Amino acid sequence: MKRILPLAAIEIFVWIALILCIVIIGRFAFEISLGSATLMERIATQTVRLAISCAAVLLWLVSWKKVTERYFWRTIGRPSETT
């Protein structure tokens, strides 16, 4: 049970962070409009949307990596239990 609870907490954290990234991309990134009259405005709009979406996904991946690394090294550092 001691090993399942931290893994479940990591799983819940990852899903909540993923849902937040989806909200950021869906609500904020697609709402950005720098204009659509000219080709350059459309390119600028799509570039900003892509940059925000990539930043959100990278933030999610880096946070997931940090949490799992911390769990891994904490688990490795513990003395092994023999039952």
C-alpha atoms as a PDB file:
ATOM      1  CA  MET A   1       0.000   0.000   0.000  1.00  0.00           C
ATOM      2  CA  LYS A   2       2.944   2.320   0.706  1.00  0.00           C
ATOM      3  CA  ARG A   3       4.113   2.015  -2.873  1.00  0.00           C
ATOM      4  CA  ILE A   4       0.719   2.326  -4.526  1.00  0.00           C
ATOM      5  CA  LEU A   5      -0.285   5.640  -2.952  1.00  0.00           C
ATOM      6  CA  PRO A   6       2.675   7.663  -4.313  1.00  0.00           C
ATOM      7  CA  LEU A   7       2.171   6.165  -7.762  1.00  0.00           C
ATOM      8  CA  ALA A   8      -1.529   6.992  -7.633  1.00  0.00           C
ATOM      9  CA  ALA A   9      -0.678  10.542  -6.569  1.00  0.00           C
ATOM     10  CA  ILE A  10       1.716  10.878  -9.511  1.00  0.00           C
ATOM     11  CA  GLU A  11      -0.966   9.568 -11.859  1.00  0.00           C
ATOM     12  CA  ILE A  12      -3.545  12.021 -10.535  1.00  0.00           C
ATOM     13  CA  PHE A  13      -1.049  14.900 -10.784  1.00  0.00           C
ATOM     14  CA  VAL A  14      -0.204  14.011 -14.375  1.00  0.00           C
ATOM     15  CA  TRP A  15      -3.859  13.823 -15.413  1.00  0.00           C
ATOM     16  CA  ILE A  16      -4.746  17.113 -13.726  1.00  0.00           C
ATOM     17  CA  ALA A  17      -1.763  18.821 -15.348  1.00  0.00           C
ATOM     18  CA  LEU A  18      -2.707  17.331 -18.722  1.00  0.00           C
ATOM     19  CA  ILE A  19      -6.264  18.603 -18.397  1.00  0.00           C
ATOM     20  CA  LEU A  20      -4.943  22.060 -17.475  1.00  0.00           C
ATOM     21  CA  CYS A  21      -2.739  22.042 -20.572  1.00  0.00           C
ATOM     22  CA  ILE A  22      -5.737  21.117 -22.706  1.00  0.00           C
ATOM     23  CA  VAL A  23      -7.701  24.000 -21.171  1.00  0.00           C
ATOM     24  CA  ILE A  24      -4.823  26.410 -21.793  1.00  0.00           C
ATOM     25  CA  ILE A  25      -4.569  25.321 -25.402  1.00  0.00           C
ATOM     26  CA  GLY A  26      -8.311  25.189 -26.009  1.00  0.00           C
ATOM     27  CA  ARG A  27      -9.383  28.336 -24.215  1.00  0.00           C
ATOM     28  CA  PHE A  28      -6.416  30.658 -24.522  1.00  0.00           C
ATOM     29  CA  ALA A  29      -4.305  29.640 -27.482  1.00  0.00           C
ATOM     30  CA  PHE A  30      -7.196  29.366 -29.927  1.00  0.00           C
ATOM     31  CA  GLU A  31      -8.685  32.659 -28.749  1.00  0.00           C
ATOM     32  CA  ILE A  32      -5.617  34.600 -29.857  1.00  0.00           C
ATOM     33  CA  SER A  33      -6.197  36.561 -33.018  1.00  0.00           C
ATOM     34  CA  LEU A  34      -3.679  39.019 -34.365  1.00  0.00           C
ATOM     35  CA  GLY A  35      -5.818  39.607 -37.416  1.00  0.00           C
ATOM     36  CA  SER A  36      -6.757  37.658 -40.494  1.00  0.00           C
ATOM     37  CA  ALA A  37      -6.801  40.298 -43.199  1.00  0.00           C
ATOM     38  CA  THR A  38      -3.328  39.641 -44.559  1.00  0.00           C
ATOM     39  CA  LEU A  39      -1.176  36.592 -44.948  1.00  0.00           C
ATOM     40  CA  MET A  40       1.383  37.924 -42.451  1.00  0.00           C
ATOM     41  CA  GLU A  41      -1.301  38.437 -39.768  1.00  0.00           C
ATOM     42  CA  ARG A  42      -2.552  34.881 -40.230  1.00  0.00           C
ATOM     43  CA  ILE A  43       1.001  33.507 -40.061  1.00  0.00           C
ATOM     44  CA  ALA A  44       1.712  35.566 -36.929  1.00  0.00           C
ATOM     45  CA  THR A  45      -1.509  34.346 -35.290  1.00  0.00           C
ATOM     46  CA  GLN A  46      -0.756  30.700 -36.028  1.00  0.00           C
ATOM     47  CA  THR A  47       2.841  31.092 -34.857  1.00  0.00           C
ATOM     48  CA  VAL A  48       1.787  32.567 -31.511  1.00  0.00           C
ATOM     49  CA  ARG A  49      -0.845  29.851 -31.049  1.00  0.00           C
ATOM     50  CA  LEU A  50       1.722  27.165 -31.787  1.00  0.00           C
ATOM     51  CA  ALA A  51       4.279  28.705 -29.420  1.00  0.00           C
ATOM     52  CA  ILE A  52       1.785  28.859 -26.537  1.00  0.00           C
ATOM     53  CA  SER A  53       0.606  25.300 -27.185  1.00  0.00           C
ATOM     54  CA  CYS A  54       4.179  23.981 -27.336  1.00  0.00           C
ATOM     55  CA  ALA A  55       5.115  25.833 -24.155  1.00  0.00           C
ATOM     56  CA  ALA A  56       2.133  24.321 -22.309  1.00  0.00           C
ATOM     57  CA  VAL A  57       2.963  20.800 -23.469  1.00  0.00           C
ATOM     58  CA  LEU A  58       6.661  21.176 -22.652  1.00  0.00           C
ATOM     59  CA  LEU A  59       5.788  22.495 -19.193  1.00  0.00           C
ATOM     60  CA  TRP A  60       3.585  19.433 -18.668  1.00  0.00           C
ATOM     61  CA  LEU A  61       6.309  17.051 -19.817  1.00  0.00           C
ATOM     62  CA  VAL A  62       9.027  18.687 -17.696  1.00  0.00           C
ATOM     63  CA  SER A  63       6.839  18.686 -14.578  1.00  0.00           C
ATOM     64  CA  TRP A  64       5.951  15.024 -15.134  1.00  0.00           C
ATOM     65  CA  LYS A  65       9.635  14.167 -15.551  1.00  0.00           C
ATOM     66  CA  LYS A  66      10.619  16.043 -12.366  1.00  0.00           C
ATOM     67  CA  VAL A  67       7.915  14.365 -10.284  1.00  0.00           C
ATOM     68  CA  THR A  68       8.763  10.867 -11.506  1.00  0.00           C
ATOM     69  CA  GLU A  69      12.515  11.422 -11.084  1.00  0.00           C
ATOM     70  CA  ARG A  70      11.993  12.600  -7.526  1.00  0.00           C
ATOM     71  CA  TYR A  71       9.840   9.520  -6.790  1.00  0.00           C
ATOM     72  CA  PHE A  72      12.396   7.224  -8.452  1.00  0.00           C
ATOM     73  CA  TRP A  73      15.389   8.532  -6.511  1.00  0.00           C
ATOM     74  CA  ARG A  74      13.448   8.576  -3.269  1.00  0.00           C
ATOM     75  CA  THR A  75      12.430   4.949  -3.846  1.00  0.00           C
ATOM     76  CA  ILE A  76      15.967   3.883  -4.781  1.00  0.00           C
ATOM     77  CA  GLY A  77      17.361   5.564  -1.678  1.00  0.00           C
ATOM     78  CA  ARG A  78      15.112   3.622   0.677  1.00  0.00           C
ATOM     79  CA  PRO A  79      16.366   0.427   2.230  1.00  0.00           C
ATOM     80  CA  SER A  80      14.662  -2.559   0.662  1.00  0.00           C
ATOM     81  CA  GLU A  81      11.856  -4.212   2.554  1.00  0.00           C
ATOM     82  CA  THR A  82      11.825  -7.962   2.794  1.00  0.00           C
ATOM     83  CA  THR A  83       8.521  -9.542   3.613  1.00  0.00           C
END
